[in-house]
Protein backbone atom coordinates (compact mmCIF):
# COMPACT_ATOMS: atom_id res chain seq x y z
CA UNK A 1 30.44 111.56 137.47
CA UNK A 2 33.84 110.61 139.77
CA UNK A 3 37.23 109.75 138.15
CA UNK A 4 39.73 107.76 140.28
CA UNK A 5 43.33 109.57 140.88
CA UNK A 6 44.59 106.20 139.56
CA UNK A 7 42.30 107.06 136.08
CA UNK A 8 43.69 110.55 136.14
CA UNK A 9 47.30 109.64 136.33
CA UNK A 10 47.41 107.43 133.43
CA UNK A 11 45.29 109.40 131.25
CA UNK A 12 48.50 112.31 132.45
CA UNK A 13 51.08 109.24 131.81
CA UNK A 14 49.87 108.70 128.07
CA UNK A 15 49.26 112.18 127.62
CA UNK A 16 53.03 112.68 128.10
CA UNK A 17 53.97 109.59 125.91
CA UNK A 18 51.93 111.51 123.06
CA UNK A 19 54.14 114.33 123.29
CA UNK A 20 57.53 113.25 123.85
CA UNK A 21 56.77 111.07 120.97
CA UNK A 22 55.66 113.50 118.60
CA UNK A 23 58.20 115.91 119.62
CA UNK A 24 60.67 113.38 118.64
CA UNK A 25 58.39 112.20 115.63
CA UNK A 26 59.42 116.21 114.65
CA UNK A 27 63.02 116.73 115.36
CA UNK A 28 63.65 113.76 113.40
CA UNK A 29 61.83 114.81 110.83
CA UNK A 30 63.24 117.93 110.73
CA UNK A 31 66.60 116.96 110.90
CA UNK A 32 65.85 114.71 107.82
CA UNK A 33 64.61 117.67 105.37
CA UNK A 34 67.86 119.54 106.23
CA UNK A 35 69.72 116.36 105.55
CA UNK A 36 67.84 116.21 102.27
CA UNK A 37 68.95 119.54 101.52
CA UNK A 38 71.61 119.80 98.44
CA UNK A 39 73.56 122.53 101.05
CA UNK A 40 73.92 119.33 102.94
CA UNK A 41 75.29 117.46 100.94
CA UNK A 42 77.37 119.45 98.93
CA UNK A 43 79.03 120.19 102.29
CA UNK A 44 79.70 117.02 102.94
CA UNK A 45 80.87 116.16 99.42
CA UNK A 46 83.57 118.75 99.37
CA UNK A 47 84.36 117.76 103.32
CA UNK A 48 85.15 114.40 102.33
CA UNK A 49 86.96 115.82 98.88
CA UNK A 50 89.29 117.60 101.24
CA UNK A 51 92.90 115.91 101.49
CA UNK A 52 93.30 117.56 104.86
CA UNK A 53 90.22 116.42 106.30
CA UNK A 54 90.69 112.95 105.07
CA UNK A 55 94.29 112.90 106.28
CA UNK A 56 92.79 114.14 110.36
CA UNK A 57 89.47 111.81 110.11
CA UNK A 58 90.51 108.93 107.98
CA UNK A 59 87.76 107.49 105.99
CA UNK A 60 85.01 107.03 105.99
CA UNK A 61 84.12 110.29 106.98
CA UNK A 62 80.41 110.13 108.95
CA UNK A 63 77.95 112.52 109.30
CA UNK A 64 76.39 112.65 113.11
CA UNK A 65 73.12 114.27 114.47
CA UNK A 66 72.75 118.07 114.23
CA UNK A 67 71.64 119.30 117.80
CA UNK A 68 68.78 121.60 117.12
CA UNK A 69 68.97 123.38 120.27
CA UNK A 70 72.25 124.29 119.80
CA UNK A 71 71.13 128.20 118.45
CA UNK A 72 74.38 129.55 118.72
CA UNK A 73 75.26 127.29 115.86
CA UNK A 74 72.53 126.55 114.35
CA UNK A 75 70.42 128.54 112.82
CA UNK A 76 68.26 130.65 109.76
CA UNK A 77 66.24 133.33 108.67
CA UNK A 78 64.60 134.70 105.26
CA UNK A 79 67.98 134.61 103.67
CA UNK A 80 70.60 132.20 105.19
CA UNK A 81 71.32 129.12 107.41
CA UNK A 82 73.75 127.68 109.39
CA UNK A 83 74.44 124.59 110.83
CA UNK A 84 77.29 123.23 112.85
CA UNK A 85 77.35 119.27 111.67
CA UNK A 86 79.39 116.96 113.61
CA UNK A 87 81.36 114.28 111.45
CA UNK A 88 83.36 111.29 112.88
CA UNK A 89 86.23 109.32 111.10
CA UNK A 90 88.23 106.43 112.42
CA UNK A 91 91.28 108.95 113.41
CA UNK A 92 89.18 111.27 115.13
CA UNK A 93 89.70 109.61 118.24
CA UNK A 94 93.34 109.12 118.52
CA UNK A 95 94.90 111.77 120.31
């Protein structure tokens, strides 16, 4: 049974789409799991109640997407976890 090159390219293309979609889905799910932890929520609550942070960032302070690929700032082991959470506010663009 002979398969054309066009058909093989289609199969490879769809395979790539499936692999990329699965990776994107799993990464988003992991980020959501982190965002739903009490530690994450408490840290953002503390930041939003900090007078100095509100002065420099303005209100509302919003959290942005964690970069999981940044292994220098984002890491975890059996006893601790460390994540760098980007935040933004209406004043953070002013220089």
